[in-house]
Amino acid sequence: METIDINTTLIEGYLRLLNNLSPNNKLDLISKLTLSIKIDIAERKSSFYKAFGAWESELSADEIIDEIHRTRTFNRQVVPMK
């Protein structure tokens, strides 16, 4: 069974359950679902924008480069072929 089929089956199952709710309960559910979607969208936008930004450091660019070069370590070991 494909994902689309599973999702469709789940949605149809939820709809059968929701048919038994009163109109007020359905409206309340719609309101809560709408709010959860808005929150989800806001969180996604926030996390997306948090991935970008300037590098925050008191060091200058040249000092950062020098530090990177100084702290590099090489652990390459050449294994002789027999």
N, C-alpha and C. Protein backbone atom coordinates (compact mmCIF):
# COMPACT_ATOMS: atom_id res chain seq x y z
N MET A 1 0.85 -1.17 0.00
CA MET A 1 0.00 0.00 0.00
C MET A 1 0.90 1.24 0.00
N GLU A 2 0.61 2.16 -0.87
CA GLU A 2 1.41 3.37 -0.97
C GLU A 2 1.02 4.37 0.11
N THR A 3 1.90 5.35 0.31
CA THR A 3 1.66 6.38 1.32
C THR A 3 0.38 7.14 1.04
N ILE A 4 0.13 7.44 -0.23
CA ILE A 4 -1.09 8.19 -0.60
C ILE A 4 -2.33 7.39 -0.21
N ASP A 5 -2.30 6.09 -0.46
CA ASP A 5 -3.43 5.24 -0.11
C ASP A 5 -3.65 5.20 1.41
N ILE A 6 -2.55 5.12 2.17
CA ILE A 6 -2.66 5.09 3.62
C ILE A 6 -3.24 6.40 4.14
N ASN A 7 -2.74 7.52 3.60
CA ASN A 7 -3.25 8.83 4.02
C ASN A 7 -4.72 8.98 3.69
N THR A 8 -5.11 8.54 2.51
CA THR A 8 -6.52 8.63 2.12
C THR A 8 -7.38 7.78 3.05
N THR A 9 -6.91 6.60 3.38
CA THR A 9 -7.65 5.72 4.29
C THR A 9 -7.78 6.36 5.67
N LEU A 10 -6.69 6.96 6.17
CA LEU A 10 -6.75 7.63 7.47
C LEU A 10 -7.74 8.79 7.46
N ILE A 11 -7.68 9.59 6.41
CA ILE A 11 -8.59 10.74 6.31
C ILE A 11 -10.04 10.28 6.28
N GLU A 12 -10.32 9.25 5.51
CA GLU A 12 -11.69 8.74 5.43
C GLU A 12 -12.15 8.20 6.79
N GLY A 13 -11.24 7.56 7.52
CA GLY A 13 -11.58 7.06 8.86
C GLY A 13 -11.90 8.20 9.82
N TYR A 14 -11.08 9.26 9.76
CA TYR A 14 -11.34 10.43 10.60
C TYR A 14 -12.68 11.07 10.25
N LEU A 15 -12.98 11.16 8.97
CA LEU A 15 -14.26 11.77 8.56
C LEU A 15 -15.45 10.98 9.08
N ARG A 16 -15.34 9.65 9.07
CA ARG A 16 -16.44 8.84 9.61
C ARG A 16 -16.63 9.12 11.10
N LEU A 17 -15.53 9.29 11.82
CA LEU A 17 -15.62 9.62 13.25
C LEU A 17 -16.22 11.01 13.46
N LEU A 18 -15.81 11.96 12.62
CA LEU A 18 -16.25 13.34 12.78
C LEU A 18 -17.72 13.53 12.44
N ASN A 19 -18.27 12.66 11.62
CA ASN A 19 -19.68 12.78 11.26
C ASN A 19 -20.59 12.67 12.48
N ASN A 20 -20.11 12.04 13.53
CA ASN A 20 -20.92 11.87 14.74
C ASN A 20 -20.87 13.09 15.67
N LEU A 21 -20.00 14.06 15.37
CA LEU A 21 -19.89 15.24 16.23
C LEU A 21 -21.00 16.24 15.93
N SER A 22 -21.29 17.04 16.93
CA SER A 22 -22.28 18.11 16.74
C SER A 22 -21.64 19.22 15.90
N PRO A 23 -22.46 20.07 15.29
CA PRO A 23 -21.91 21.19 14.50
C PRO A 23 -20.97 22.08 15.32
N ASN A 24 -21.31 22.34 16.58
CA ASN A 24 -20.44 23.17 17.42
C ASN A 24 -19.09 22.50 17.67
N ASN A 25 -19.11 21.20 17.91
CA ASN A 25 -17.86 20.48 18.11
C ASN A 25 -17.02 20.47 16.83
N LYS A 26 -17.68 20.34 15.69
CA LYS A 26 -16.96 20.38 14.42
C LYS A 26 -16.30 21.75 14.21
N LEU A 27 -17.04 22.82 14.52
CA LEU A 27 -16.49 24.17 14.39
C LEU A 27 -15.31 24.37 15.34
N ASP A 28 -15.43 23.85 16.55
CA ASP A 28 -14.33 23.95 17.51
C ASP A 28 -13.10 23.20 17.00
N LEU A 29 -13.32 22.03 16.44
CA LEU A 29 -12.22 21.24 15.88
C LEU A 29 -11.56 21.98 14.71
N ILE A 30 -12.37 22.57 13.85
CA ILE A 30 -11.83 23.35 12.72
C ILE A 30 -10.97 24.48 13.24
N SER A 31 -11.44 25.16 14.26
CA SER A 31 -10.69 26.27 14.84
C SER A 31 -9.34 25.80 15.39
N LYS A 32 -9.35 24.69 16.10
CA LYS A 32 -8.11 24.17 16.69
C LYS A 32 -7.15 23.67 15.61
N LEU A 33 -7.67 23.03 14.58
CA LEU A 33 -6.81 22.58 13.48
C LEU A 33 -6.19 23.76 12.75
N THR A 34 -6.99 24.81 12.53
CA THR A 34 -6.49 26.01 11.87
C THR A 34 -5.37 26.64 12.68
N LEU A 35 -5.56 26.73 13.98
CA LEU A 35 -4.54 27.30 14.86
C LEU A 35 -3.26 26.46 14.82
N SER A 36 -3.40 25.14 14.83
CA SER A 36 -2.21 24.28 14.81
C SER A 36 -1.45 24.43 13.50
N ILE A 37 -2.16 24.63 12.40
CA ILE A 37 -1.50 24.84 11.11
C ILE A 37 -0.76 26.16 11.10
N LYS A 38 -1.39 27.21 11.63
CA LYS A 38 -0.73 28.53 11.67
C LYS A 38 0.53 28.48 12.52
N ILE A 39 0.47 27.79 13.65
CA ILE A 39 1.64 27.66 14.52
C ILE A 39 2.74 26.88 13.81
N ASP A 40 2.36 25.80 13.12
CA ASP A 40 3.33 24.98 12.41
C ASP A 40 4.03 25.79 11.32
N ILE A 41 3.26 26.58 10.58
CA ILE A 41 3.84 27.41 9.52
C ILE A 41 4.79 28.44 10.11
N ALA A 42 4.41 29.06 11.21
CA ALA A 42 5.26 30.06 11.86
C ALA A 42 6.56 29.43 12.35
N GLU A 43 6.48 28.23 12.93
CA GLU A 43 7.67 27.56 13.42
C GLU A 43 8.60 27.18 12.27
N ARG A 44 8.04 26.74 11.16
CA ARG A 44 8.87 26.39 10.00
C ARG A 44 9.59 27.61 9.46
N LYS A 45 8.87 28.73 9.35
CA LYS A 45 9.50 29.96 8.87
C LYS A 45 10.60 30.38 9.82
N SER A 46 10.32 30.31 11.12
CA SER A 46 11.30 30.72 12.12
C SER A 46 12.55 29.86 12.05
N SER A 47 12.38 28.55 11.97
CA SER A 47 13.55 27.67 11.92
C SER A 47 14.31 27.85 10.61
N PHE A 48 13.61 28.17 9.53
CA PHE A 48 14.26 28.42 8.25
C PHE A 48 15.15 29.65 8.34
N TYR A 49 14.62 30.73 8.90
CA TYR A 49 15.39 31.97 8.98
C TYR A 49 16.50 31.89 10.02
N LYS A 50 16.37 31.03 11.00
CA LYS A 50 17.43 30.87 11.99
C LYS A 50 18.67 30.23 11.38
N ALA A 51 18.51 29.56 10.24
CA ALA A 51 19.64 28.92 9.58
C ALA A 51 20.56 29.93 8.92
N PHE A 52 20.13 31.16 8.79
CA PHE A 52 20.91 32.19 8.12
C PHE A 52 21.32 33.25 9.13
N GLY A 53 22.34 33.99 8.75
CA GLY A 53 22.74 35.10 9.61
C GLY A 53 24.24 35.33 9.54
N ALA A 54 24.65 36.37 10.17
CA ALA A 54 26.06 36.74 10.16
C ALA A 54 26.81 35.94 11.22
N TRP A 55 28.08 35.76 10.96
CA TRP A 55 28.96 35.11 11.92
C TRP A 55 29.20 36.07 13.05
N GLU A 56 28.96 35.65 14.27
CA GLU A 56 29.15 36.52 15.42
C GLU A 56 30.45 36.16 16.13
N SER A 57 31.41 37.07 16.06
CA SER A 57 32.69 36.86 16.72
C SER A 57 33.36 38.20 16.93
N GLU A 58 34.17 38.27 17.98
CA GLU A 58 34.93 39.49 18.22
C GLU A 58 36.21 39.51 17.40
N LEU A 59 36.57 38.36 16.83
CA LEU A 59 37.78 38.27 16.03
C LEU A 59 37.53 38.79 14.62
N SER A 60 38.58 39.32 14.02
CA SER A 60 38.45 39.76 12.63
C SER A 60 38.50 38.53 11.73
N ALA A 61 38.18 38.72 10.47
CA ALA A 61 38.19 37.61 9.52
C ALA A 61 39.59 37.01 9.41
N ASP A 62 40.61 37.86 9.37
CA ASP A 62 41.99 37.37 9.27
C ASP A 62 42.39 36.58 10.52
N GLU A 63 41.94 37.02 11.68
CA GLU A 63 42.26 36.30 12.91
C GLU A 63 41.57 34.93 12.94
N ILE A 64 40.37 34.87 12.44
CA ILE A 64 39.65 33.59 12.38
C ILE A 64 40.37 32.64 11.43
N ILE A 65 40.78 33.15 10.28
CA ILE A 65 41.50 32.32 9.30
C ILE A 65 42.80 31.82 9.90
N ASP A 66 43.55 32.69 10.57
CA ASP A 66 44.80 32.28 11.21
C ASP A 66 44.56 31.21 12.26
N GLU A 67 43.50 31.37 13.04
CA GLU A 67 43.18 30.38 14.07
C GLU A 67 42.85 29.03 13.45
N ILE A 68 42.10 29.05 12.37
CA ILE A 68 41.76 27.80 11.68
C ILE A 68 43.03 27.12 11.19
N HIS A 69 43.93 27.89 10.58
CA HIS A 69 45.18 27.32 10.07
C HIS A 69 46.04 26.77 11.21
N ARG A 70 46.10 27.47 12.33
CA ARG A 70 46.92 27.04 13.46
C ARG A 70 46.39 25.77 14.11
N THR A 71 45.09 25.62 14.15
CA THR A 71 44.51 24.49 14.89
C THR A 71 44.24 23.27 14.02
N ARG A 72 44.55 23.36 12.74
CA ARG A 72 44.35 22.19 11.89
C ARG A 72 45.32 21.08 12.28
N THR A 73 44.83 19.88 12.24
CA THR A 73 45.70 18.72 12.48
C THR A 73 45.55 17.76 11.32
N PHE A 74 46.63 17.13 11.02
CA PHE A 74 46.63 16.16 9.93
C PHE A 74 46.97 14.80 10.53
N ASN A 75 46.15 13.85 10.31
CA ASN A 75 46.38 12.52 10.86
C ASN A 75 46.50 11.48 9.75
N ARG A 76 46.86 11.94 8.59
CA ARG A 76 46.99 11.02 7.46
C ARG A 76 48.23 10.17 7.66
N GLN A 77 48.06 8.89 7.56
CA GLN A 77 49.18 7.97 7.68
C GLN A 77 49.27 7.18 6.38
N VAL A 78 50.41 7.26 5.77
CA VAL A 78 50.62 6.55 4.52
C VAL A 78 51.02 5.12 4.86
N VAL A 79 50.26 4.18 4.35
CA VAL A 79 50.54 2.77 4.60
C VAL A 79 51.32 2.24 3.40
N PRO A 80 52.53 1.73 3.64
CA PRO A 80 53.31 1.22 2.51
C PRO A 80 52.66 -0.03 1.93
N MET A 81 52.69 -0.13 0.62
CA MET A 81 52.13 -1.30 -0.06
C MET A 81 53.19 -2.38 -0.13
N LYS A 82 52.83 -3.58 0.15
CA LYS A 82 53.79 -4.70 0.13
C LYS A 82 53.70 -5.46 -1.15
